[in-house]
Structures are given as structure tokens and as C-alpha cells.
Protein backbone atom coordinates (compact mmCIF):
# COMPACT_ATOMS: atom_id res chain seq x y z
CA MET A 1 -130.33 -132.54 6.36
CA THR A 2 -128.72 -135.56 5.07
CA GLY A 3 -125.18 -136.59 6.40
CA SER A 4 -123.69 -135.30 3.18
CA ALA A 5 -124.99 -132.10 3.31
CA ARG A 6 -124.21 -131.36 7.00
CA THR A 7 -120.54 -132.82 6.35
CA SER A 8 -120.50 -130.20 3.38
CA TRP A 9 -121.85 -127.60 5.55
CA LEU A 10 -119.28 -128.48 8.63
CA THR A 11 -116.42 -128.10 6.07
CA SER A 12 -117.29 -124.92 4.59
CA ILE A 13 -117.89 -123.49 7.88
CA ARG A 14 -114.48 -124.91 8.98
CA TRP A 15 -112.80 -123.27 6.43
CA SER A 16 -114.61 -120.15 6.39
CA GLY A 17 -114.22 -119.72 10.38
CA THR A 18 -110.63 -120.76 10.20
CA SER A 19 -109.86 -117.63 7.37
CA VAL A 20 -112.01 -115.25 9.52
CA ILE A 21 -110.52 -115.99 12.61
CA ALA A 22 -106.68 -115.89 11.50
CA THR A 23 -107.17 -112.75 9.19
CA GLN A 24 -109.48 -110.53 12.06
CA ALA A 25 -106.70 -111.78 14.82
CA ILE A 26 -103.95 -110.24 12.77
CA ARG A 27 -105.97 -107.45 12.04
CA LEU A 28 -106.94 -106.98 15.64
CA GLY A 29 -103.23 -107.72 16.56
CA ALA A 30 -101.90 -105.17 14.31
CA GLN A 31 -104.32 -102.00 15.02
CA LEU A 32 -103.30 -102.95 19.19
CA ALA A 33 -99.84 -103.01 18.02
CA PHE A 34 -100.30 -99.41 16.02
CA ALA A 35 -102.58 -98.32 19.12
CA ALA A 36 -99.53 -98.89 21.55
CA ILE A 37 -96.72 -97.59 19.36
CA LEU A 38 -98.66 -94.53 17.89
CA GLY A 39 -100.83 -93.19 20.90
CA PRO A 40 -104.77 -92.20 20.82
CA SER A 41 -104.09 -88.75 19.12
CA LEU A 42 -102.25 -90.02 16.10
CA VAL A 43 -104.56 -93.15 15.91
CA GLY A 44 -107.40 -90.81 15.86
CA TYR A 45 -106.25 -89.01 12.70
CA PHE A 46 -106.50 -92.39 10.78
CA THR A 47 -109.74 -93.53 12.28
CA GLN A 48 -111.18 -90.58 11.01
CA ALA A 49 -110.09 -91.05 7.88
CA GLN A 50 -111.21 -94.58 7.87
CA LEU A 51 -114.76 -93.41 8.49
CA ALA A 52 -115.27 -91.19 5.14
CA TYR A 53 -113.35 -94.27 3.37
CA GLY A 54 -115.93 -96.82 4.82
CA LEU A 55 -118.65 -94.73 3.78
CA LEU A 56 -117.38 -94.58 0.17
CA ALA A 57 -116.82 -98.20 -0.08
CA GLY A 58 -120.31 -98.87 1.36
CA ILE A 59 -121.82 -96.96 -1.14
CA THR A 60 -119.48 -97.94 -4.02
CA LEU A 61 -119.33 -101.66 -3.93
CA GLN A 62 -120.37 -103.49 -1.02
CA GLY A 63 -123.86 -103.28 -2.22
CA PHE A 64 -122.80 -105.45 -5.01
CA THR A 65 -120.75 -108.35 -3.22
CA ALA A 66 -124.21 -109.69 -2.49
CA SER A 67 -125.27 -110.00 -5.98
CA LEU A 68 -121.88 -111.74 -6.80
CA LEU A 69 -122.30 -114.21 -4.12
CA ARG A 70 -125.51 -115.11 -5.61
CA GLY A 71 -124.41 -114.94 -9.16
CA GLY A 72 -127.16 -112.66 -10.31
CA ALA A 73 -131.19 -113.36 -10.40
CA ASP A 74 -130.50 -116.35 -12.77
CA SER A 75 -127.30 -117.58 -11.87
CA SER A 76 -125.77 -117.08 -15.38
CA ASP A 77 -122.07 -116.50 -16.51
CA ASP A 78 -123.12 -113.48 -18.46
CA THR A 79 -124.92 -111.84 -15.54
CA SER A 80 -121.87 -112.44 -13.15
CA THR A 81 -118.96 -111.55 -15.59
CA ALA A 82 -120.93 -108.14 -16.57
CA LEU A 83 -121.11 -107.59 -12.53
CA ALA A 84 -117.57 -108.66 -12.01
CA ALA A 85 -116.38 -105.68 -14.75
CA PHE A 86 -118.69 -103.00 -13.63
CA SER A 87 -117.55 -104.05 -10.03
CA ARG A 88 -113.85 -102.98 -11.40
CA LEU A 89 -115.16 -99.84 -12.91
CA LEU A 90 -116.63 -99.22 -9.57
CA GLY A 91 -113.68 -99.42 -7.48
CA ILE A 92 -111.63 -97.13 -9.92
CA ALA A 93 -114.55 -94.44 -9.88
CA GLY A 94 -114.55 -94.50 -6.14
CA ALA A 95 -110.76 -93.99 -5.49
CA VAL A 96 -111.08 -90.83 -8.03
CA ILE A 97 -113.88 -89.50 -5.62
CA LEU A 98 -111.84 -90.30 -2.58
CA CYS A 99 -109.05 -88.29 -4.02
CA VAL A 100 -111.34 -85.21 -4.88
CA THR A 101 -113.01 -85.46 -1.45
CA ALA A 102 -109.86 -85.53 0.40
CA LEU A 103 -108.50 -82.48 -1.65
CA ALA A 104 -111.62 -80.77 -0.44
CA LEU A 105 -111.59 -81.41 2.76
CA ARG A 106 -107.95 -81.02 3.56
CA GLY A 107 -108.24 -77.48 4.89
CA LEU A 108 -110.98 -78.82 7.53
CA TRP A 109 -109.14 -82.22 8.49
CA GLY A 110 -105.70 -81.75 8.00
CA GLU A 111 -103.43 -84.87 8.08
CA SER A 112 -106.88 -86.84 8.19
CA ALA A 113 -107.56 -85.40 4.65
CA LEU A 114 -104.14 -86.68 3.45
CA LEU A 115 -104.52 -90.26 5.26
CA LEU A 116 -107.69 -90.31 3.12
CA ALA A 117 -106.26 -89.63 -0.41
CA CYS A 118 -103.48 -92.42 0.33
CA LEU A 119 -106.05 -94.83 0.95
CA ALA A 120 -107.58 -94.31 -2.73
CA PRO A 121 -106.02 -97.30 -4.17
CA SER A 122 -107.25 -99.78 -1.84
CA LEU A 123 -110.76 -98.94 -3.18
CA ALA A 124 -109.69 -99.71 -6.35
CA LEU A 125 -108.03 -102.66 -5.45
CA GLN A 126 -111.11 -104.28 -3.45
CA GLY A 127 -113.42 -103.31 -7.08
CA LEU A 128 -110.50 -105.80 -8.54
CA TRP A 129 -110.57 -108.76 -5.69
CA ILE A 130 -114.10 -108.64 -4.40
CA PRO A 131 -115.43 -110.56 -8.41
CA PRO A 132 -113.03 -113.47 -7.83
CA TRP A 133 -113.46 -113.55 -4.15
CA ALA A 134 -117.03 -113.80 -4.71
CA SER A 135 -116.30 -116.55 -8.09
CA LEU A 136 -114.31 -118.88 -5.72
CA LEU A 137 -117.03 -118.69 -2.75
CA ARG A 138 -120.15 -119.69 -5.22
CA ALA A 139 -117.62 -122.57 -6.94
CA GLY A 140 -117.25 -123.90 -3.20
CA ARG A 141 -113.83 -123.15 -3.25
CA ILE A 142 -113.47 -121.47 0.47
CA ALA A 143 -110.22 -123.38 1.34
CA THR A 144 -108.50 -121.45 -1.45
CA VAL A 145 -110.11 -118.34 -0.60
CA ALA A 146 -109.12 -118.93 3.30
CA ARG A 147 -105.48 -119.21 2.57
CA ALA A 148 -105.34 -116.39 0.21
CA GLU A 149 -107.16 -114.04 2.88
CA ILE A 150 -104.82 -115.04 5.55
CA THR A 151 -101.60 -114.74 3.55
CA ALA A 152 -102.57 -111.09 2.17
CA ALA A 153 -103.51 -110.31 5.99
CA ALA A 154 -100.39 -111.70 7.34
CA ILE A 155 -98.29 -109.73 4.74
CA GLY A 156 -100.12 -106.57 5.48
CA ALA A 157 -99.51 -106.72 9.23
CA THR A 158 -96.31 -107.41 8.80
CA ILE A 159 -95.42 -104.52 6.59
CA GLY A 160 -97.67 -101.82 8.44
CA THR A 161 -96.30 -102.72 11.94
CA THR A 162 -92.57 -103.00 10.89
CA ILE A 163 -92.71 -99.10 9.33
CA ALA A 164 -95.07 -98.23 12.85
CA LEU A 165 -91.85 -99.36 14.65
CA CYS A 166 -89.29 -97.94 12.66
CA TRP A 167 -90.49 -94.36 12.19
CA SER A 168 -93.86 -94.16 14.04
CA THR A 169 -96.20 -92.69 11.54
CA THR A 170 -99.98 -92.53 10.33
CA ILE A 171 -98.62 -93.69 7.08
CA SER A 172 -97.99 -97.27 8.31
CA MET A 173 -101.43 -98.04 8.90
CA VAL A 174 -102.53 -97.00 5.20
CA VAL A 175 -99.84 -98.98 4.22
CA PHE A 176 -101.18 -101.89 6.10
CA VAL A 177 -104.58 -101.81 4.61
CA VAL A 178 -103.39 -101.22 0.77
CA SER A 179 -100.60 -104.12 0.78
CA THR A 180 -103.34 -106.20 2.68
CA ASP A 181 -105.65 -105.54 -0.74
CA LEU A 182 -102.73 -105.72 -3.06
CA THR A 183 -101.43 -109.05 -2.06
CA LEU A 184 -105.50 -110.19 -1.78
CA ALA A 185 -106.03 -108.67 -5.36
CA VAL A 186 -102.93 -110.11 -6.90
CA ILE A 187 -103.53 -113.72 -5.82
CA LEU A 188 -107.30 -113.91 -6.41
CA VAL A 189 -106.73 -112.27 -9.90
CA TYR A 190 -104.34 -114.99 -10.84
CA ILE A 191 -106.18 -117.73 -9.65
CA THR A 192 -109.41 -116.93 -11.64
CA ARG A 193 -107.61 -115.46 -14.62
CA ASP A 194 -109.44 -117.10 -17.21
CA ASN A 195 -112.84 -115.51 -16.20
CA VAL A 196 -111.09 -112.03 -15.70
CA LEU A 197 -110.47 -111.93 -19.44
CA ARG A 198 -114.12 -112.66 -20.33
CA ARG A 199 -115.76 -109.90 -22.29
CA PRO A 200 -118.79 -108.74 -20.30
CA ASN A 201 -122.31 -108.50 -21.55
CA TRP A 202 -123.40 -105.12 -20.19
CA ARG A 203 -127.00 -105.87 -20.91
CA ALA A 204 -127.34 -108.70 -18.41
CA ILE A 205 -126.49 -106.49 -15.66
CA SER A 206 -129.87 -104.98 -16.15
CA LYS A 207 -131.50 -107.80 -14.39
CA GLU A 208 -130.06 -107.13 -11.17
CA ARG A 209 -130.59 -103.25 -11.56
CA GLY A 210 -133.75 -103.14 -8.76
CA PHE A 211 -131.55 -105.75 -6.37
CA LEU A 212 -128.42 -103.73 -6.47
CA ILE A 213 -130.38 -100.39 -5.94
CA HIS A 214 -131.78 -101.77 -2.53
CA ASN A 215 -128.94 -103.64 -1.51
CA SER A 216 -126.63 -100.80 -1.86
CA GLY A 217 -128.88 -98.43 0.28
CA SER A 218 -129.25 -101.39 2.91
CA GLU A 219 -125.59 -101.37 2.67
CA LEU A 220 -125.14 -97.33 3.15
CA LEU A 221 -128.11 -97.78 6.09
CA ASN A 222 -126.12 -100.31 7.63
CA TYR A 223 -123.22 -98.79 7.72
CA LEU A 224 -124.80 -95.79 9.24
CA SER A 225 -126.27 -97.68 11.61
CA ARG A 226 -122.90 -99.48 12.82
CA ASN A 227 -121.05 -96.14 12.41
CA ALA A 228 -123.07 -93.08 13.58
CA ASP A 229 -121.73 -92.91 17.09
CA ASN A 230 -118.22 -92.78 15.31
CA ILE A 231 -119.64 -90.36 13.05
CA LEU A 232 -120.49 -88.10 16.12
CA VAL A 233 -117.74 -88.47 18.21
CA ALA A 234 -115.46 -87.39 15.36
CA ALA A 235 -117.19 -84.19 14.76
CA LEU A 236 -118.14 -83.33 17.94
CA LEU A 237 -115.21 -84.37 20.77
CA GLY A 238 -112.04 -84.95 18.27
CA PRO A 239 -109.82 -87.21 17.05
CA ARG A 240 -108.29 -88.03 20.31
CA GLU A 241 -111.63 -89.17 21.61
CA LEU A 242 -112.91 -90.90 18.54
CA ALA A 243 -109.49 -93.01 18.88
CA LEU A 244 -110.39 -94.28 22.40
CA TYR A 245 -113.99 -94.77 21.42
CA SER A 246 -113.16 -96.82 17.98
CA LEU A 247 -110.56 -99.05 19.88
CA ALA A 248 -113.26 -100.19 21.58
CA TYR A 249 -115.49 -100.17 18.64
CA ARG A 250 -113.09 -102.44 16.69
CA ILE A 251 -112.43 -104.62 19.26
CA ILE A 252 -116.01 -105.87 19.68
CA SER A 253 -116.64 -105.49 15.80
CA LEU A 254 -113.97 -107.76 14.94
CA THR A 255 -115.20 -110.22 17.56
CA VAL A 256 -118.50 -110.33 16.43
CA GLN A 257 -117.33 -110.30 12.75
CA GLN A 258 -115.47 -113.59 13.39
CA LEU A 259 -118.61 -115.41 14.23
CA THR A 260 -120.96 -113.11 11.61
CA GLN A 261 -118.68 -113.19 8.45
CA THR A 262 -117.70 -117.06 8.89
CA VAL A 263 -121.60 -118.21 8.85
CA SER A 264 -122.86 -115.46 6.46
CA ARG A 265 -120.33 -116.24 3.68
CA VAL A 266 -121.40 -119.74 3.62
CA ALA A 267 -124.82 -119.24 4.37
CA LEU A 268 -125.87 -117.09 1.60
CA PRO A 269 -124.63 -119.05 -1.40
CA ARG A 270 -125.98 -122.32 -0.13
CA PHE A 271 -129.36 -120.44 0.81
CA ALA A 272 -129.40 -118.98 -2.48
CA ARG A 273 -128.65 -122.55 -3.72
CA ASP A 274 -131.57 -124.26 -1.75
CA ARG A 275 -134.34 -121.34 -1.67
CA THR A 276 -136.66 -123.77 -3.46
CA ASN A 277 -136.51 -126.13 -0.19
CA ALA A 278 -138.05 -124.05 2.65
CA GLY A 279 -137.49 -127.03 4.96
CA ILE A 280 -133.60 -127.22 4.60
CA VAL A 281 -133.11 -123.50 5.10
CA ALA A 282 -135.68 -123.06 8.07
CA ALA A 283 -133.48 -126.08 9.63
CA ASP A 284 -130.42 -124.48 8.92
CA PHE A 285 -131.46 -121.05 9.96
CA VAL A 286 -132.32 -122.21 13.40
CA LEU A 287 -129.39 -124.87 13.83
CA ILE A 288 -127.05 -121.49 12.85
CA SER A 289 -129.28 -119.00 15.22
CA ARG A 290 -128.57 -121.39 18.22
CA GLY A 291 -124.92 -121.63 17.69
CA LEU A 292 -124.38 -117.90 17.22
CA ALA A 293 -126.26 -117.08 20.39
CA VAL A 294 -124.24 -119.83 22.59
CA VAL A 295 -120.96 -118.64 21.05
CA ALA A 296 -121.31 -115.06 20.92
CA GLY A 297 -123.00 -114.67 24.23
CA ALA A 298 -119.96 -116.57 26.06
CA ALA A 299 -117.45 -114.71 24.43
CA LEU A 300 -118.64 -110.94 24.69
CA ALA A 301 -119.37 -111.86 28.37
CA THR A 302 -115.74 -112.67 28.85
CA ALA A 303 -114.78 -109.14 27.05
CA PHE A 304 -116.98 -107.40 29.30
CA ALA A 305 -115.43 -109.11 32.07
CA VAL A 306 -111.62 -108.85 31.63
CA ALA A 307 -111.68 -105.41 29.84
CA PRO A 308 -110.97 -102.94 32.75
CA ALA A 309 -107.72 -105.04 33.54
CA ALA A 310 -106.82 -106.14 30.24
CA VAL A 311 -106.89 -102.58 28.37
CA PRO A 312 -104.36 -100.50 30.31
CA TRP A 313 -102.30 -103.56 30.80
CA ILE A 314 -101.75 -104.47 26.73
CA LEU A 315 -102.09 -100.78 25.33
CA GLY A 316 -101.05 -98.47 28.62
CA PRO A 317 -102.68 -95.71 30.99
CA ALA A 318 -103.18 -93.61 28.04
CA TRP A 319 -105.94 -96.14 26.41
CA THR A 320 -108.04 -96.70 30.03
CA GLY A 321 -110.80 -94.31 28.49
CA ALA A 322 -111.94 -97.07 25.95
CA VAL A 323 -112.62 -99.75 28.65
CA ALA A 324 -116.60 -97.91 29.52
CA PRO A 325 -117.39 -97.84 25.56
CA LEU A 326 -116.12 -101.46 25.33
CA GLN A 327 -118.34 -102.72 27.97
CA TRP A 328 -121.22 -100.79 26.77
CA LEU A 329 -120.74 -102.61 23.47
CA CYS A 330 -120.44 -105.47 24.54
CA LEU A 331 -123.92 -105.83 25.25
CA ALA A 332 -125.19 -104.64 22.36
CA ALA A 333 -123.29 -107.01 20.47
CA ILE A 334 -124.79 -109.86 21.48
CA ARG A 335 -127.95 -109.00 19.81
CA GLN A 336 -125.80 -107.97 16.65
CA SER A 337 -124.49 -111.43 16.09
CA ILE A 338 -127.68 -113.33 16.49
CA GLN A 339 -129.63 -111.44 13.89
CA SER A 340 -126.96 -111.31 11.88
CA ILE A 341 -128.21 -114.50 10.10
CA VAL A 342 -131.23 -112.54 8.56
CA TRP A 343 -129.62 -110.61 6.22
CA PRO A 344 -128.16 -113.59 4.31
CA THR A 345 -131.34 -115.36 4.66
CA VAL A 346 -133.21 -112.27 3.06
CA LEU A 347 -130.85 -111.86 -0.05
CA ALA A 348 -130.93 -115.31 -0.87
CA TYR A 349 -134.28 -115.31 -1.60
CA GLY A 350 -133.86 -111.60 -3.64
CA ARG A 351 -135.50 -109.55 -0.89
CA ALA A 352 -133.56 -106.57 -1.59
CA ARG A 353 -136.14 -104.07 -0.58
CA TRP A 354 -136.74 -106.36 2.84
CA ASN A 355 -133.04 -106.27 3.99
CA PHE A 356 -133.36 -102.15 2.85
CA PHE A 357 -135.94 -101.67 5.80
CA TRP A 358 -134.17 -104.37 8.01
CA HIS A 359 -130.68 -102.05 8.23
CA PHE A 360 -133.44 -99.19 8.31
CA CYS A 361 -134.66 -99.77 11.96
CA PRO A 362 -131.45 -99.73 13.74
CA VAL A 363 -130.05 -96.20 12.48
CA PRO A 364 -131.89 -94.20 15.15
CA GLY A 365 -130.39 -96.10 17.47
CA GLY A 366 -126.86 -96.27 16.26
CA ILE A 367 -126.18 -92.66 18.14
CA CYS A 368 -127.47 -93.76 21.47
CA PRO A 369 -123.74 -94.61 22.84
CA ILE A 370 -123.12 -90.90 22.46
CA GLY A 371 -125.53 -90.14 25.27
CA SER A 372 -124.49 -93.39 27.33
CA PRO A 373 -122.79 -93.00 30.89
CA TRP A 374 -119.47 -93.93 29.57
CA HIS A 375 -118.50 -90.22 29.01
CA ARG A 376 -118.72 -89.14 32.67
CA GLY A 377 -115.93 -92.05 33.33
CA THR A 378 -113.76 -91.36 30.41
CA GLY A 379 -113.70 -87.31 30.22
CA CYS A 380 -114.67 -87.27 26.88
CA SER A 381 -117.94 -85.19 26.86
CA ILE A 382 -118.23 -81.98 25.52
CA ARG A 383 -118.30 -80.33 28.97
CA HIS A 384 -115.27 -81.66 29.73
CA ARG A 385 -113.44 -81.34 26.66
CA ARG A 386 -111.72 -78.71 27.91
CA HIS A 387 -110.05 -80.83 30.38
CA LEU A 388 -108.62 -83.24 28.40
CA PRO A 389 -104.25 -82.97 28.07
CA LEU A 390 -104.85 -82.89 23.86
CA PRO A 391 -101.65 -81.79 22.28
CA ARG A 392 -101.42 -78.96 20.26
CA SER A 393 -101.63 -81.16 16.67
CA SER A 394 -105.04 -82.36 17.84
CA VAL A 395 -106.63 -79.01 17.47
CA CYS A 396 -104.16 -77.91 14.66
CA PRO A 397 -103.68 -80.79 12.71
CA ASP A 398 -100.00 -80.95 11.05
CA SER A 399 -100.55 -81.99 7.50
CA SER A 400 -97.32 -83.56 7.18
CA TYR A 401 -96.91 -87.33 8.09
């Protein structure tokens, strides 16, 4: 790697890292504030709704992100414009499907179903801001993206936590998500407004059909592998236990994402650009893998050690049950962090089928935490559920906010 290329890499990584660390820190701070203000039961309702929302978002939109970052197989403007237009349509369609799904689940999920319906605008907004976000990253304007992401996260967190402090309602978490996406959409669409007005050539998208199908399948499997345990906890144990487990999961996932997103959003477009030079890609791959191993290992070992004292002190005794799952997830996250560089490398070479099978392997292991010993120490097993001090609303959810 030449000196100028290394400098460019470091500059991109620095801005990407600044954005990811700042936005994830803001989101984590907001989620911890919601947890302390609302308590496990109310947070559990929103977490249940967020699982269904994430599943639909993964099926509809996330599969297109890699194609947008690559700029299509031929990196042509026609393909990028068609993909961007299709992403906007998918966002709208996904929002409609989400509302219909929420109405169908209202009798079963109660308040969680209403929260799911309220999240529908966020899906449409994602379909709007993902194309300009990817376009700016392809153009190397990472600093612009970083400023937009940090601004949106700060505005969303401020509005959401203010509502939570004033009214202690679950709708505050929905407002946080929707206002963040709305702010980001306004900023990024305004910056790239000339591209938004371009008329798409729908035939160009046919070149990406195979890649999109396999990558959408990969995103679905990736979501299931990361959330199978959350889904089973929600189905078998209920919203309160889901809130305890999900808090631990979010803390770890946000920590891991600060590392993996920092690297992957820079690596994918750059690896795609340098894919004809295997030597450059191989050297960068080894360098990034070693860096991830060192940083992730240190961060997660620290989280494992301080969790027993930090969680009850920050959030209160009601959240003590999140300590054991947090420590178990720290161990699993070390492996996940190191392997996170694989998928951008594979996708940079257009190997969506390989990425599909790469994400297929971890799915059976996604349910392992359900049988892990953390249940015995937290009172969250099915056998002990009758002893939990659950409020009445956890059994018969109130449909009102």
C-alpha cells in the first residue's frame, strides 16, 4: 500500500469511526435513558415491536444497501439511479406492509402492535435516505455523511428522551427512531437533490437481479442469526424478560457495531474499487482483521468485567437480570467482530451467493443463549416464570399509550 493510499484509508476510517462511535454512543445513551425512565415492562413492548420492524426492514431494504454501495455490477449511473428509485418504492411498500401486519397482530400483541404501526414511517424514510447515503460514501464524502448521521442521532435522542422524561410513555422510543430517520432523510436528500430528480432506467436494475436476491437472503439470514434468541425469548418468556435480555444484546451489539460499521462502510466500496488487484485487498484484509482482534478483545473483556457493578448502578436493581446475558454475549461478540470483515470482502467481488452461505452457518447457533446458564441466575426461565413479579399489563397488554 502506498503512502497516499494509506493516508486516504486512515482519513476514511477516522471519519467513519467518528460517525459510528458518536451515533452509537448517542443511541446507547438514549436507550439507557429509556430503560431507566420506563422500566423493563414498557421497554419490552417496544423491543417486541422492534423485532418485527427489523425483520421487515432486513427483507425489503438492507439487501439493496450493498448494491448501492457498489454502484451496481458495472458501477454505471443508470444502475445506481434505478436502484435508488427502487429503494424508495420498497420503503413505501414496506411501510404499508408493516401497518397491515400491525393491525393483524393487534389482538395478540396489544400495545406492541400499535408501536409497530407507529414505526411504519421510519421504514419509508429509510428507503428515502439510504440511496443518497450510499452515493456519498461511493464518492468518498464520508465526512459529509458523518456530520449528517451525528446531527440526526442527536436531534432524535433529544426529542425522544424529552418526551420520556415528561410523559413516561413508550411512544417516546418510537419518536426517537422516526425523528432520527426524518432528520437524516432531509439532510441527505437535500445534499444530493440533483440525483434524486433523475429519471431511472428500470431496465438497468435487471443486471443486479441475481446479486439482489442472494444478498437479500443473506440479510434475512443475518438478521435471524443475530435475533433468533431475542425472538424465542419474546415468544416463550414475554416482554419483560425480553427487555432484560435485549438490553444486554443492545449494549454488546452497539459496541460491536462501532468497530464493524466503521470498517465495513469504508472497506466495501474500496475493496470493490481495488478488486482487480488481489495484493492490495489481501494486505488491507489482514491489517483490518488484526486491528479488529485487538480492539474488540480489549473492549469486550472490559465490558465483561464491569457489568455486575455497572448495570445495577446505572439503571437500578430492576435491571440486574441483564448482567448474566451481557457477560455471555461478550464472549460471542469477540468472534463476531473479527469475522465482520469477511462479508464486505466477499460482496466487493460480487459473490452474493458466498455471502448467503456465510450467513447461513451461524443461524442454528443463534438460539444457543436460550439454553445457557444465564436463565438460572435471573429468574427468566419458563419454569420460574410464575415467580416473577410481573405487572398485570405484561399478561394482558393495555392497547393505549
